[in-house]
Amino acid sequence: MILGKQRRLQFVECSNDITGMVDAAEFADLALLLTDGSYEFEMAAKSELGNKYDKINIWVWKGLQTVAELGREKNLPIPLNKDSLYQPIERRPKKFNPLVMPSKLQAPVILF
């Protein structure tokens, strides 16, 4: 399928084993997985018959879990990064310069 002068789109079907998928991934920029919606019902039917398949819902998408979510799920401690902890800022005490007045102004000014 030609999309423009510089773009061409090609659909390739690969075999249903890992070697075929790896071979297709070598030249593909994008891979789409197309599945049959009835597959979920087949798996559910097999689980009722006593096979060790669980019901698989392929229509639900779940994103990649964060480290905190994985830790909560498996009761693992969250890794502590010492650089991320709050540290108080250490500052030097402020030093103010003494008041300097010219000698001509010191005579008329009365300091309390």
Foldseek 3Di string as FASTA:
>chain_A
DDDDDPDDDDDDDFDPDPVRVVVVVVPDPDDDDDDDQCVLVVQVVVVVVPDPGDRDHPVDDDDDDDQVVVCVVVVHDRDDDPVPDDDDDDDDDDDDDDDDDDPVVVVVDDDD
